[in-house]
């Protein structure tokens, strides 16, 4: 998918997120600590929960409810609530699998066509 180049500590670096991936022996790859990976995941979840809790959206979920429904389920619920733009944004932000992102994009396109017609 996307290029895994990120700007870390002021300089570009390649980040290997999977434990099975090995950095080439001569590269200057930076592997984030497990605590940093958990922190980023929790931050992303909190940002999504805050976006869902917005009064304009009105889908207040606890962290446990979010985990129970699962991110693809939240995207499906947003589409059912006629919020396909937010569904697509969340699918991209959480880097969900391609089929979920395509579903959100198609729902947004359908909503735009229905609004024009």
Protein backbone atom coordinates (compact mmCIF):
# COMPACT_ATOMS: atom_id res chain seq x y z
CA UNK A 1 0.00 0.00 0.00
CA UNK A 2 1.51 3.24 1.19
CA UNK A 3 5.19 3.95 1.31
CA UNK A 4 6.40 3.25 4.85
CA UNK A 5 8.71 6.26 4.92
CA UNK A 6 8.11 8.43 7.95
CA UNK A 7 9.86 11.41 9.40
CA UNK A 8 11.19 10.28 12.76
CA UNK A 9 13.15 12.55 15.06
CA UNK A 10 13.81 15.04 12.30
CA UNK A 11 15.08 12.61 9.68
CA UNK A 12 13.56 10.12 7.27
CA UNK A 13 13.60 6.50 8.32
CA UNK A 14 11.94 3.27 7.34
CA UNK A 15 9.84 1.81 10.12
CA UNK A 16 9.28 -1.93 10.24
CA UNK A 17 6.03 -2.51 12.14
CA UNK A 18 5.84 -6.29 11.80
CA UNK A 19 8.07 -8.32 14.06
CA UNK A 20 8.64 -10.81 11.23
CA UNK A 21 10.04 -8.12 8.92
CA UNK A 22 13.75 -7.77 9.18
CA UNK A 23 15.61 -4.64 8.29
CA UNK A 24 18.34 -5.03 5.72
CA UNK A 25 21.66 -5.35 7.58
CA UNK A 26 23.09 -2.13 6.15
CA UNK A 27 20.02 0.10 6.59
CA UNK A 28 19.39 2.72 9.27
CA UNK A 29 15.91 1.36 10.05
CA UNK A 30 14.23 2.35 13.28
CA UNK A 31 11.94 -0.14 14.98
CA UNK A 32 9.50 1.45 17.44
CA UNK A 33 9.26 -0.07 20.87
CA UNK A 34 6.19 -2.17 21.71
CA UNK A 35 5.11 0.52 24.17
CA UNK A 36 5.25 3.14 21.42
CA UNK A 37 3.17 0.95 19.10
CA UNK A 38 0.53 0.45 21.83
CA UNK A 39 0.53 4.19 22.56
CA UNK A 40 -0.06 5.07 18.91
CA UNK A 41 -2.85 2.47 18.64
CA UNK A 42 -4.56 3.83 21.77
CA UNK A 43 -4.20 7.40 20.51
CA UNK A 44 -5.76 6.50 17.16
CA UNK A 45 -8.66 4.72 18.88
CA UNK A 46 -9.25 7.69 21.18
CA UNK A 47 -9.25 10.10 18.23
CA UNK A 48 -11.82 7.94 16.42
CA UNK A 49 -13.99 7.64 19.54
CA UNK A 50 -13.91 11.42 19.97
CA UNK A 51 -14.92 11.92 16.32
CA UNK A 52 -17.82 9.49 16.77
CA UNK A 53 -18.92 11.20 19.97
CA UNK A 54 -19.24 14.58 18.22
CA UNK A 55 -22.84 15.85 18.55
CA UNK A 56 -23.14 16.07 14.76
CA UNK A 57 -22.46 12.31 14.53
CA UNK A 58 -24.04 11.09 17.77
CA UNK A 59 -22.46 7.64 18.02
CA UNK A 60 -21.03 7.55 21.54
CA UNK A 61 -19.15 4.32 22.18
CA UNK A 62 -16.93 3.19 25.01
CA UNK A 63 -13.60 1.61 24.22
CA UNK A 64 -14.97 -1.85 25.03
CA UNK A 65 -17.98 -1.29 22.76
CA UNK A 66 -15.68 -0.11 19.96
CA UNK A 67 -13.59 -3.27 20.35
CA UNK A 68 -16.72 -5.42 20.40
CA UNK A 69 -18.19 -3.86 17.25
CA UNK A 70 -14.76 -3.75 15.56
CA UNK A 71 -13.53 -0.95 13.27
CA UNK A 72 -15.13 -2.43 10.10
CA UNK A 73 -18.41 -2.68 12.02
CA UNK A 74 -18.15 0.98 13.00
CA UNK A 75 -17.59 1.88 9.34
CA UNK A 76 -20.67 -0.14 8.37
CA UNK A 77 -22.75 1.58 11.06
CA UNK A 78 -21.61 5.00 9.88
CA UNK A 79 -22.64 4.13 6.33
CA UNK A 80 -26.02 2.96 7.65
CA UNK A 81 -26.32 6.30 9.51
CA UNK A 82 -25.71 8.08 6.18
CA UNK A 83 -22.25 9.27 7.20
CA UNK A 84 -20.17 7.76 4.36
CA UNK A 85 -17.60 10.58 4.30
CA UNK A 86 -16.73 10.01 7.96
CA UNK A 87 -16.76 6.25 7.38
CA UNK A 88 -14.20 6.63 4.59
CA UNK A 89 -12.03 8.95 6.65
CA UNK A 90 -11.99 6.54 9.59
CA UNK A 91 -11.29 3.56 7.32
CA UNK A 92 -8.28 5.37 5.85
CA UNK A 93 -7.09 6.68 9.23
CA UNK A 94 -7.17 3.24 10.84
CA UNK A 95 -5.65 1.72 7.68
CA UNK A 96 -8.39 -0.88 7.43
CA UNK A 97 -8.26 -3.50 4.71
CA UNK A 98 -8.96 -2.49 1.14
CA UNK A 99 -12.43 -4.00 0.94
CA UNK A 100 -13.63 -1.90 3.88
CA UNK A 101 -12.15 1.27 2.39
CA UNK A 102 -13.70 0.44 -0.99
CA UNK A 103 -17.10 -0.09 0.67
CA UNK A 104 -16.88 3.31 2.35
CA UNK A 105 -15.79 4.99 -0.92
CA UNK A 106 -18.58 3.34 -2.88
CA UNK A 107 -21.13 4.39 -0.27
CA UNK A 108 -19.90 7.96 -0.43
CA UNK A 109 -20.08 7.96 -4.23
CA UNK A 110 -23.61 6.55 -4.09
CA UNK A 111 -24.64 9.22 -1.61
CA UNK A 112 -23.24 11.95 -3.87
CA UNK A 113 -25.07 10.56 -6.90
CA UNK A 114 -28.32 10.26 -4.93
CA UNK A 115 -27.96 13.85 -3.73
CA UNK A 116 -27.51 15.12 -7.31
CA UNK A 117 -30.45 13.22 -8.73
